[in-house]
Amino acid sequence: MKIRPLYDRIVVKRIEDDTEKTAGGLFIPDSAKEKPQQGEVIAAGQGKRAEDGKLIPLDVKVGDRILFGKYSGSDIKIGTDEYMIMREDEVLGVLEGSAKKK
């Protein structure tokens, strides 16, 4: 199943942090971890409609790595995969020149 967001919404997959322990060597259990605040754009809408009816394209595109706030967006589940859907204005920034994780 695929999802196509409407207007200025984007679908984001959180990028998990690889660190499992603290600098002191303590392991962090899954229940104590915070959800990551960066992700990869999986799908993007066509843009936002201005008051005059013109379509304003989005600044982010599929494949961009982005930063977002702790309480941004809504969590959704498609099959076994978990994603977030949010408006473009909830994006804090785009990470430039970062290698994509697979």
PDB file of N, CA and C in Angstrom:
ATOM      1  N   MET A   1       0.846  -1.185   0.000  1.00  0.00           N
ATOM      2  CA  MET A   1       0.000   0.000   0.000  1.00  0.00           C
ATOM      3  C   MET A   1       0.884   1.238   0.000  1.00  0.00           C
ATOM      4  N   LYS A   2       0.498   2.225  -0.784  1.00  0.00           N
ATOM      5  CA  LYS A   2       1.222   3.493  -0.848  1.00  0.00           C
ATOM      6  C   LYS A   2       0.351   4.600  -0.292  1.00  0.00           C
ATOM      7  N   ILE A   3       0.999   5.685   0.133  1.00  0.00           N
ATOM      8  CA  ILE A   3       0.259   6.835   0.634  1.00  0.00           C
ATOM      9  C   ILE A   3       0.703   8.063  -0.155  1.00  0.00           C
ATOM     10  N   ARG A   4      -0.262   8.883  -0.521  1.00  0.00           N
ATOM     11  CA  ARG A   4       0.017  10.127  -1.239  1.00  0.00           C
ATOM     12  C   ARG A   4      -0.541  11.273  -0.393  1.00  0.00           C
ATOM     13  N   PRO A   5       0.354  12.034   0.251  1.00  0.00           N
ATOM     14  CA  PRO A   5      -0.137  13.134   1.087  1.00  0.00           C
ATOM     15  C   PRO A   5      -0.713  14.267   0.236  1.00  0.00           C
ATOM     16  N   LEU A   6      -1.648  14.985   0.806  1.00  0.00           N
ATOM     17  CA  LEU A   6      -2.301  16.076   0.101  1.00  0.00           C
ATOM     18  C   LEU A   6      -1.706  17.421   0.510  1.00  0.00           C
ATOM     19  N   TYR A   7      -1.812  18.380  -0.399  1.00  0.00           N
ATOM     20  CA  TYR A   7      -1.411  19.772  -0.180  1.00  0.00           C
ATOM     21  C   TYR A   7       0.015  19.880   0.349  1.00  0.00           C
ATOM     22  N   ASP A   8       0.200  20.502   1.527  1.00  0.00           N
ATOM     23  CA  ASP A   8       1.554  20.756   2.025  1.00  0.00           C
ATOM     24  C   ASP A   8       1.988  19.733   3.071  1.00  0.00           C
ATOM     25  N   ARG A   9       1.413  18.547   3.031  1.00  0.00           N
ATOM     26  CA  ARG A   9       1.800  17.510   3.992  1.00  0.00           C
ATOM     27  C   ARG A   9       2.892  16.620   3.415  1.00  0.00           C
ATOM     28  N   ILE A  10       3.707  16.065   4.330  1.00  0.00           N
ATOM     29  CA  ILE A  10       4.768  15.147   3.935  1.00  0.00           C
ATOM     30  C   ILE A  10       4.701  13.904   4.817  1.00  0.00           C
ATOM     31  N   VAL A  11       5.170  12.780   4.285  1.00  0.00           N
ATOM     32  CA  VAL A  11       5.272  11.534   5.040  1.00  0.00           C
ATOM     33  C   VAL A  11       6.747  11.319   5.339  1.00  0.00           C
ATOM     34  N   VAL A  12       7.058  11.068   6.626  1.00  0.00           N
ATOM     35  CA  VAL A  12       8.446  10.976   7.085  1.00  0.00           C
ATOM     36  C   VAL A  12       8.662   9.650   7.795  1.00  0.00           C
ATOM     37  N   LYS A  13       9.792   9.016   7.524  1.00  0.00           N
ATOM     38  CA  LYS A  13      10.210   7.833   8.270  1.00  0.00           C
ATOM     39  C   LYS A  13      11.327   8.264   9.208  1.00  0.00           C
ATOM     40  N   ARG A  14      11.119   8.014  10.497  1.00  0.00           N
ATOM     41  CA  ARG A  14      12.132   8.394  11.489  1.00  0.00           C
ATOM     42  C   ARG A  14      13.433   7.644  11.227  1.00  0.00           C
ATOM     43  N   ILE A  15      14.552   8.329  11.431  1.00  0.00           N
ATOM     44  CA  ILE A  15      15.868   7.715  11.313  1.00  0.00           C
ATOM     45  C   ILE A  15      16.337   7.404  12.719  1.00  0.00           C
ATOM     46  N   GLU A  16      16.516   6.122  12.984  1.00  0.00           N
ATOM     47  CA  GLU A  16      16.927   5.675  14.317  1.00  0.00           C
ATOM     48  C   GLU A  16      18.398   5.988  14.552  1.00  0.00           C
ATOM     49  N   ASP A  17      18.701   6.403  15.770  1.00  0.00           N
ATOM     50  CA  ASP A  17      20.071   6.670  16.180  1.00  0.00           C
ATOM     51  C   ASP A  17      20.742   5.338  16.511  1.00  0.00           C
ATOM     52  N   ASP A  18      21.990   5.161  16.076  1.00  0.00           N
ATOM     53  CA  ASP A  18      22.686   3.892  16.290  1.00  0.00           C
ATOM     54  C   ASP A  18      23.249   3.734  17.696  1.00  0.00           C
ATOM     55  N   THR A  19      23.282   4.794  18.483  1.00  0.00           N
ATOM     56  CA  THR A  19      23.887   4.698  19.810  1.00  0.00           C
ATOM     57  C   THR A  19      22.950   3.971  20.764  1.00  0.00           C
ATOM     58  N   GLU A  20      23.435   2.905  21.347  1.00  0.00           N
ATOM     59  CA  GLU A  20      22.661   2.095  22.289  1.00  0.00           C
ATOM     60  C   GLU A  20      23.099   2.326  23.728  1.00  0.00           C
ATOM     61  N   LYS A  21      24.230   3.025  23.927  1.00  0.00           N
ATOM     62  CA  LYS A  21      24.678   3.251  25.294  1.00  0.00           C
ATOM     63  C   LYS A  21      25.192   4.675  25.457  1.00  0.00           C
ATOM     64  N   THR A  22      25.287   5.110  26.696  1.00  0.00           N
ATOM     65  CA  THR A  22      25.731   6.469  27.005  1.00  0.00           C
ATOM     66  C   THR A  22      27.243   6.560  26.905  1.00  0.00           C
ATOM     67  N   ALA A  23      27.761   7.770  27.047  1.00  0.00           N
ATOM     68  CA  ALA A  23      29.210   7.976  27.011  1.00  0.00           C
ATOM     69  C   ALA A  23      29.893   7.244  28.161  1.00  0.00           C
ATOM     70  N   GLY A  24      29.184   7.055  29.267  1.00  0.00           N
ATOM     71  CA  GLY A  24      29.732   6.343  30.424  1.00  0.00           C
ATOM     72  C   GLY A  24      29.669   4.835  30.284  1.00  0.00           C
ATOM     73  N   GLY A  25      29.058   4.329  29.211  1.00  0.00           N
ATOM     74  CA  GLY A  25      29.011   2.900  28.964  1.00  0.00           C
ATOM     75  C   GLY A  25      27.731   2.220  29.419  1.00  0.00           C
ATOM     76  N   LEU A  26      26.738   2.989  29.862  1.00  0.00           N
ATOM     77  CA  LEU A  26      25.469   2.404  30.295  1.00  0.00           C
ATOM     78  C   LEU A  26      24.558   2.167  29.097  1.00  0.00           C
ATOM     79  N   PHE A  27      23.940   0.999  29.072  1.00  0.00           N
ATOM     80  CA  PHE A  27      22.992   0.694  27.998  1.00  0.00           C
ATOM     81  C   PHE A  27      21.640   1.327  28.301  1.00  0.00           C
ATOM     82  N   ILE A  28      20.999   1.859  27.263  1.00  0.00           N
ATOM     83  CA  ILE A  28      19.708   2.523  27.416  1.00  0.00           C
ATOM     84  C   ILE A  28      18.616   1.576  26.925  1.00  0.00           C
ATOM     85  N   PRO A  29      17.649   1.205  27.781  1.00  0.00           N
ATOM     86  CA  PRO A  29      16.557   0.330  27.318  1.00  0.00           C
ATOM     87  C   PRO A  29      15.629   1.073  26.363  1.00  0.00           C
ATOM     88  N   ASP A  30      14.937   0.324  25.509  1.00  0.00           N
ATOM     89  CA  ASP A  30      14.036   0.919  24.519  1.00  0.00           C
ATOM     90  C   ASP A  30      12.967   1.792  25.158  1.00  0.00           C
ATOM     91  N   SER A  31      12.496   1.405  26.340  1.00  0.00           N
ATOM     92  CA  SER A  31      11.423   2.161  26.996  1.00  0.00           C
ATOM     93  C   SER A  31      11.885   3.537  27.466  1.00  0.00           C
ATOM     94  N   ALA A  32      13.198   3.728  27.640  1.00  0.00           N
ATOM     95  CA  ALA A  32      13.714   5.003  28.136  1.00  0.00           C
ATOM     96  C   ALA A  32      14.209   5.911  27.017  1.00  0.00           C
ATOM     97  N   LYS A  33      14.273   5.386  25.807  1.00  0.00           N
ATOM     98  CA  LYS A  33      14.779   6.178  24.686  1.00  0.00           C
ATOM     99  C   LYS A  33      13.745   7.187  24.217  1.00  0.00           C
ATOM    100  N   GLU A  34      14.234   8.338  23.783  1.00  0.00           N
ATOM    101  CA  GLU A  34      13.355   9.320  23.147  1.00  0.00           C
ATOM    102  C   GLU A  34      13.273   8.985  21.665  1.00  0.00           C
ATOM    103  N   LYS A  35      12.156   9.311  21.067  1.00  0.00           N
ATOM    104  CA  LYS A  35      12.018   9.078  19.635  1.00  0.00           C
ATOM    105  C   LYS A  35      12.930  10.046  18.895  1.00  0.00           C
ATOM    106  N   PRO A  36      13.549   9.580  17.817  1.00  0.00           N
ATOM    107  CA  PRO A  36      14.434  10.473  17.064  1.00  0.00           C
ATOM    108  C   PRO A  36      13.679  11.651  16.475  1.00  0.00           C
ATOM    109  N   GLN A  37      14.384  12.772  16.338  1.00  0.00           N
ATOM    110  CA  GLN A  37      13.766  13.976  15.811  1.00  0.00           C
ATOM    111  C   GLN A  37      14.315  14.319  14.434  1.00  0.00           C
ATOM    112  N   GLN A  38      14.782  13.307  13.747  1.00  0.00           N
ATOM    113  CA  GLN A  38      15.142  13.503  12.352  1.00  0.00           C
ATOM    114  C   GLN A  38      14.622  12.329  11.556  1.00  0.00           C
ATOM    115  N   GLY A  39      14.411  12.575  10.283  1.00  0.00           N
ATOM    116  CA  GLY A  39      13.853  11.536   9.445  1.00  0.00           C
ATOM    117  C   GLY A  39      14.087  11.810   7.977  1.00  0.00           C
ATOM    118  N   GLU A  40      13.609  10.891   7.166  1.00  0.00           N
ATOM    119  CA  GLU A  40      13.737  11.001   5.713  1.00  0.00           C
ATOM    120  C   GLU A  40      12.348  11.152   5.117  1.00  0.00           C
ATOM    121  N   VAL A  41      12.225  12.097   4.183  1.00  0.00           N
ATOM    122  CA  VAL A  41      10.940  12.332   3.520  1.00  0.00           C
ATOM    123  C   VAL A  41      10.685  11.176   2.550  1.00  0.00           C
ATOM    124  N   ILE A  42       9.569  10.490   2.755  1.00  0.00           N
ATOM    125  CA  ILE A  42       9.187   9.341   1.926  1.00  0.00           C
ATOM    126  C   ILE A  42       8.244   9.767   0.808  1.00  0.00           C
ATOM    127  N   ALA A  43       7.346  10.700   1.104  1.00  0.00           N
ATOM    128  CA  ALA A  43       6.377  11.195   0.113  1.00  0.00           C
ATOM    129  C   ALA A  43       6.048  12.644   0.447  1.00  0.00           C
ATOM    130  N   ALA A  44       5.726  13.425  -0.563  1.00  0.00           N
ATOM    131  CA  ALA A  44       5.391  14.839  -0.361  1.00  0.00           C
ATOM    132  C   ALA A  44       4.196  15.214  -1.226  1.00  0.00           C
ATOM    133  N   GLY A  45       3.376  16.107  -0.686  1.00  0.00           N
ATOM    134  CA  GLY A  45       2.230  16.613  -1.439  1.00  0.00           C
ATOM    135  C   GLY A  45       2.676  17.561  -2.536  1.00  0.00           C
ATOM    136  N   GLN A  46       1.717  18.093  -3.288  1.00  0.00           N
ATOM    137  CA  GLN A  46       2.057  18.958  -4.414  1.00  0.00           C
ATOM    138  C   GLN A  46       2.372  20.378  -4.002  1.00  0.00           C
ATOM    139  N   GLY A  47       1.867  20.821  -2.881  1.00  0.00           N
ATOM    140  CA  GLY A  47       2.145  22.180  -2.430  1.00  0.00           C
ATOM    141  C   GLY A  47       0.956  22.806  -1.747  1.00  0.00           C
ATOM    142  N   LYS A  48       1.169  24.029  -1.300  1.00  0.00           N
ATOM    143  CA  LYS A  48       0.149  24.760  -0.559  1.00  0.00           C
ATOM    144  C   LYS A  48      -0.559  25.732  -1.506  1.00  0.00           C
ATOM    145  N   ARG A  49      -1.849  25.889  -1.303  1.00  0.00           N
ATOM    146  CA  ARG A  49      -2.615  26.848  -2.107  1.00  0.00           C
ATOM    147  C   ARG A  49      -2.563  28.214  -1.446  1.00  0.00           C
ATOM    148  N   ALA A  50      -2.189  29.229  -2.216  1.00  0.00           N
ATOM    149  CA  ALA A  50      -2.191  30.604  -1.734  1.00  0.00           C
ATOM    150  C   ALA A  50      -3.623  31.141  -1.780  1.00  0.00           C
ATOM    151  N   GLU A  51      -3.827  32.297  -1.194  1.00  0.00           N
ATOM    152  CA  GLU A  51      -5.173  32.883  -1.158  1.00  0.00           C
ATOM    153  C   GLU A  51      -5.716  33.175  -2.558  1.00  0.00           C
ATOM    154  N   ASP A  52      -4.812  33.452  -3.502  1.00  0.00           N
ATOM    155  CA  ASP A  52      -5.253  33.733  -4.868  1.00  0.00           C
ATOM    156  C   ASP A  52      -5.455  32.457  -5.694  1.00  0.00           C
ATOM    157  N   GLY A  53      -5.248  31.279  -5.062  1.00  0.00           N
ATOM    158  CA  GLY A  53      -5.480  30.010  -5.740  1.00  0.00           C
ATOM    159  C   GLY A  53      -4.254  29.397  -6.389  1.00  0.00           C
ATOM    160  N   LYS A  54      -3.130  30.116  -6.406  1.00  0.00           N
ATOM    161  CA  LYS A  54      -1.914  29.576  -7.018  1.00  0.00           C
ATOM    162  C   LYS A  54      -1.290  28.527  -6.111  1.00  0.00           C
ATOM    163  N   LEU A  55      -0.648  27.543  -6.728  1.00  0.00           N
ATOM    164  CA  LEU A  55       0.000  26.461  -5.995  1.00  0.00           C
ATOM    165  C   LEU A  55       1.438  26.858  -5.683  1.00  0.00           C
ATOM    166  N   ILE A  56       1.797  26.848  -4.398  1.00  0.00           N
ATOM    167  CA  ILE A  56       3.167  27.154  -3.961  1.00  0.00           C
ATOM    168  C   ILE A  56       3.859  25.818  -3.703  1.00  0.00           C
ATOM    169  N   PRO A  57       4.901  25.459  -4.482  1.00  0.00           N
ATOM    170  CA  PRO A  57       5.549  24.151  -4.305  1.00  0.00           C
ATOM    171  C   PRO A  57       6.277  24.058  -2.957  1.00  0.00           C
ATOM    172  N   LEU A  58       6.467  22.821  -2.498  1.00  0.00           N
ATOM    173  CA  LEU A  58       7.150  22.583  -1.228  1.00  0.00           C
ATOM    174  C   LEU A  58       8.656  22.775  -1.372  1.00  0.00           C
ATOM    175  N   ASP A  59       9.307  23.165  -0.263  1.00  0.00           N
ATOM    176  CA  ASP A  59      10.765  23.299  -0.246  1.00  0.00           C
ATOM    177  C   ASP A  59      11.446  21.950  -0.050  1.00  0.00           C
ATOM    178  N   VAL A  60      10.772  21.018   0.618  1.00  0.00           N
ATOM    179  CA  VAL A  60      11.367  19.695   0.832  1.00  0.00           C
ATOM    180  C   VAL A  60      10.919  18.766  -0.279  1.00  0.00           C
ATOM    181  N   LYS A  61      11.744  17.765  -0.550  1.00  0.00           N
ATOM    182  CA  LYS A  61      11.412  16.797  -1.594  1.00  0.00           C
ATOM    183  C   LYS A  61      11.707  15.392  -1.083  1.00  0.00           C
ATOM    184  N   VAL A  62      11.216  14.403  -1.767  1.00  0.00           N
ATOM    185  CA  VAL A  62      11.415  13.006  -1.395  1.00  0.00           C
ATOM    186  C   VAL A  62      12.913  12.719  -1.335  1.00  0.00           C
ATOM    187  N   GLY A  63      13.344  12.085  -0.243  1.00  0.00           N
ATOM    188  CA  GLY A  63      14.754  11.738  -0.063  1.00  0.00           C
ATOM    189  C   GLY A  63      15.499  12.695   0.848  1.00  0.00           C
ATOM    190  N   ASP A  64      14.945  13.882   1.124  1.00  0.00           N
ATOM    191  CA  ASP A  64      15.602  14.839   2.026  1.00  0.00           C
ATOM    192  C   ASP A  64      15.612  14.304   3.451  1.00  0.00           C
ATOM    193  N   ARG A  65      16.716  14.562   4.167  1.00  0.00           N
ATOM    194  CA  ARG A  65      16.765  14.278   5.606  1.00  0.00           C
ATOM    195  C   ARG A  65      16.414  15.570   6.324  1.00  0.00           C
ATOM    196  N   ILE A  66      15.449  15.492   7.238  1.00  0.00           N
ATOM    197  CA  ILE A  66      14.936  16.692   7.880  1.00  0.00           C
ATOM    198  C   ILE A  66      15.004  16.576   9.403  1.00  0.00           C
ATOM    199  N   LEU A  67      14.925  17.728  10.060  1.00  0.00           N
ATOM    200  CA  LEU A  67      14.788  17.822  11.506  1.00  0.00           C
ATOM    201  C   LEU A  67      13.396  18.338  11.809  1.00  0.00           C
ATOM    202  N   PHE A  68      12.783  17.819  12.869  1.00  0.00           N
ATOM    203  CA  PHE A  68      11.449  18.272  13.251  1.00  0.00           C
ATOM    204  C   PHE A  68      11.347  18.286  14.764  1.00  0.00           C
ATOM    205  N   GLY A  69      10.352  18.976  15.269  1.00  0.00           N
ATOM    206  CA  GLY A  69      10.154  19.119  16.704  1.00  0.00           C
ATOM    207  C   GLY A  69       9.677  17.835  17.363  1.00  0.00           C
ATOM    208  N   LYS A  70       9.843  17.781  18.662  1.00  0.00           N
ATOM    209  CA  LYS A  70       9.506  16.594  19.450  1.00  0.00           C
ATOM    210  C   LYS A  70       8.035  16.201  19.317  1.00  0.00           C
ATOM    211  N   TYR A  71       7.155  17.173  19.246  1.00  0.00           N
ATOM    212  CA  TYR A  71       5.719  16.894  19.208  1.00  0.00           C
ATOM    213  C   TYR A  71       5.104  17.175  17.833  1.00  0.00           C
ATOM    214  N   SER A  72       5.909  17.132  16.794  1.00  0.00           N
ATOM    215  CA  SER A  72       5.434  17.411  15.438  1.00  0.00           C
ATOM    216  C   SER A  72       4.707  16.205  14.852  1.00  0.00           C
ATOM    217  N   GLY A  73       3.773  16.488  13.980  1.00  0.00           N
ATOM    218  CA  GLY A  73       3.131  15.465  13.173  1.00  0.00           C
ATOM    219  C   GLY A  73       2.296  14.468  13.928  1.00  0.00           C
ATOM    220  N   SER A  74       1.798  13.496  13.183  1.00  0.00           N
ATOM    221  CA  SER A  74       0.984  12.402  13.717  1.00  0.00           C
ATOM    222  C   SER A  74       1.601  11.090  13.284  1.00  0.00           C
ATOM    223  N   ASP A  75       1.699  10.146  14.213  1.00  0.00           N
ATOM    224  CA  ASP A  75       2.243   8.828  13.891  1.00  0.00           C
ATOM    225  C   ASP A  75       1.177   8.014  13.169  1.00  0.00           C
ATOM    226  N   ILE A  76       1.611   7.334  12.095  1.00  0.00           N
ATOM    227  CA  ILE A  76       0.716   6.451  11.353  1.00  0.00           C
ATOM    228  C   ILE A  76       1.431   5.129  11.123  1.00  0.00           C
ATOM    229  N   LYS A  77       0.663   4.094  10.893  1.00  0.00           N
ATOM    230  CA  LYS A  77       1.235   2.781  10.631  1.00  0.00           C
ATOM    231  C   LYS A  77       0.638   2.251   9.343  1.00  0.00           C
ATOM    232  N   ILE A  78       1.500   1.875   8.410  1.00  0.00           N
ATOM    233  CA  ILE A  78       1.064   1.299   7.138  1.00  0.00           C
ATOM    234  C   ILE A  78       1.692  -0.085   7.050  1.00  0.00           C
ATOM    235  N   GLY A  79       0.875  -1.094   7.163  1.00  0.00           N
ATOM    236  CA  GLY A  79       1.398  -2.464   7.218  1.00  0.00           C
ATOM    237  C   GLY A  79       2.179  -2.639   8.511  1.00  0.00           C
ATOM    238  N   THR A  80       3.449  -2.987   8.378  1.00  0.00           N
ATOM    239  CA  THR A  80       4.299  -3.134   9.556  1.00  0.00           C
ATOM    240  C   THR A  80       5.209  -1.930   9.758  1.00  0.00           C
ATOM    241  N   ASP A  81       5.188  -0.985   8.833  1.00  0.00           N
ATOM    242  CA  ASP A  81       6.068   0.185   8.903  1.00  0.00           C
ATOM    243  C   ASP A  81       5.387   1.345   9.620  1.00  0.00           C
ATOM    244  N   GLU A  82       6.185   2.083  10.406  1.00  0.00           N
ATOM    245  CA  GLU A  82       5.674   3.254  11.103  1.00  0.00           C
ATOM    246  C   GLU A  82       6.228   4.518  10.458  1.00  0.00           C
ATOM    247  N   TYR A  83       5.348   5.477  10.235  1.00  0.00           N
ATOM    248  CA  TYR A  83       5.711   6.750   9.615  1.00  0.00           C
ATOM    249  C   TYR A  83       5.094   7.891  10.412  1.00  0.00           C
ATOM    250  N   MET A  84       5.433   9.094  10.017  1.00  0.00           N
ATOM    251  CA  MET A  84       4.808  10.296  10.549  1.00  0.00           C
ATOM    252  C   MET A  84       4.268  11.082   9.376  1.00  0.00           C
ATOM    253  N   ILE A  85       3.157  11.754   9.581  1.00  0.00           N
ATOM    254  CA  ILE A  85       2.645  12.661   8.564  1.00  0.00           C
ATOM    255  C   ILE A  85       2.550  14.035   9.217  1.00  0.00           C
ATOM    256  N   MET A  86       3.098  15.038   8.537  1.00  0.00           N
ATOM    257  CA  MET A  86       3.151  16.389   9.107  1.00  0.00           C
ATOM    258  C   MET A  86       3.067  17.420   8.002  1.00  0.00           C
ATOM    259  N   ARG A  87       2.775  18.642   8.411  1.00  0.00           N
ATOM    260  CA  ARG A  87       2.781  19.759   7.461  1.00  0.00           C
ATOM    261  C   ARG A  87       4.214  20.225   7.253  1.00  0.00           C
ATOM    262  N   GLU A  88       4.460  20.816   6.101  1.00  0.00           N
ATOM    263  CA  GLU A  88       5.812  21.285   5.806  1.00  0.00           C
ATOM    264  C   GLU A  88       6.272  22.345   6.800  1.00  0.00           C
ATOM    265  N   ASP A  89       5.352  23.165   7.322  1.00  0.00           N
ATOM    266  CA  ASP A  89       5.771  24.219   8.237  1.00  0.00           C
ATOM    267  C   ASP A  89       6.213  23.688   9.610  1.00  0.00           C
ATOM    268  N   GLU A  90       6.030  22.372   9.861  1.00  0.00           N
ATOM    269  CA  GLU A  90       6.528  21.766  11.093  1.00  0.00           C
ATOM    270  C   GLU A  90       7.988  21.328  10.969  1.00  0.00           C
ATOM    271  N   VAL A  91       8.538  21.365   9.763  1.00  0.00           N
ATOM    272  CA  VAL A  91       9.935  20.995   9.526  1.00  0.00           C
ATOM    273  C   VAL A  91      10.822  22.139   9.996  1.00  0.00           C
ATOM    274  N   LEU A  92      11.817  21.803  10.827  1.00  0.00           N
ATOM    275  CA  LEU A  92      12.725  22.818  11.357  1.00  0.00           C
ATOM    276  C   LEU A  92      13.880  23.098  10.406  1.00  0.00           C
ATOM    277  N   GLY A  93      14.314  22.095   9.663  1.00  0.00           N
ATOM    278  CA  GLY A  93      15.421  22.294   8.738  1.00  0.00           C
ATOM    279  C   GLY A  93      15.703  21.039   7.936  1.00  0.00           C
ATOM    280  N   VAL A  94      16.476  21.210   6.866  1.00  0.00           N
ATOM    281  CA  VAL A  94      16.899  20.105   6.005  1.00  0.00           C
ATOM    282  C   VAL A  94      18.384  19.895   6.234  1.00  0.00           C
ATOM    283  N   LEU A  95      18.789  18.642   6.473  1.00  0.00           N
ATOM    284  CA  LEU A  95      20.199  18.319   6.669  1.00  0.00           C
ATOM    285  C   LEU A  95      20.859  18.210   5.300  1.00  0.00           C
ATOM    286  N   GLU A  96      21.751  19.128   5.010  1.00  0.00           N
ATOM    287  CA  GLU A  96      22.429  19.151   3.704  1.00  0.00           C
ATOM    288  C   GLU A  96      23.685  18.289   3.760  1.00  0.00           C
ATOM    289  N   GLY A  97      23.952  17.558   2.687  1.00  0.00           N
ATOM    290  CA  GLY A  97      25.200  16.823   2.546  1.00  0.00           C
ATOM    291  C   GLY A  97      25.343  15.635   3.480  1.00  0.00           C
ATOM    292  N   SER A  98      24.262  15.166   4.074  1.00  0.00           N
ATOM    293  CA  SER A  98      24.356  14.004   4.956  1.00  0.00           C
ATOM    294  C   SER A  98      24.126  12.741   4.134  1.00  0.00           C
ATOM    295  N   ALA A  99      24.888  11.709   4.448  1.00  0.00           N
ATOM    296  CA  ALA A  99      24.745  10.445   3.718  1.00  0.00           C
ATOM    297  C   ALA A  99      23.448   9.768   4.124  1.00  0.00           C
ATOM    298  N   LYS A 100      22.763   9.215   3.153  1.00  0.00           N
ATOM    299  CA  LYS A 100      21.503   8.521   3.441  1.00  0.00           C
ATOM    300  C   LYS A 100      21.807   7.160   4.045  1.00  0.00           C
ATOM    301  N   LYS A 101      21.036   6.775   5.060  1.00  0.00           N
ATOM    302  CA  LYS A 101      21.143   5.464   5.665  1.00  0.00           C
ATOM    303  C   LYS A 101      20.146   4.541   4.995  1.00  0.00           C
ATOM    304  N   LYS A 102      20.549   3.305   4.780  1.00  0.00           N
ATOM    305  CA  LYS A 102      19.633   2.330   4.171  1.00  0.00           C
ATOM    306  C   LYS A 102      19.258   1.296   5.174  1.00  0.00           C
TER     307      LYS A 102
END
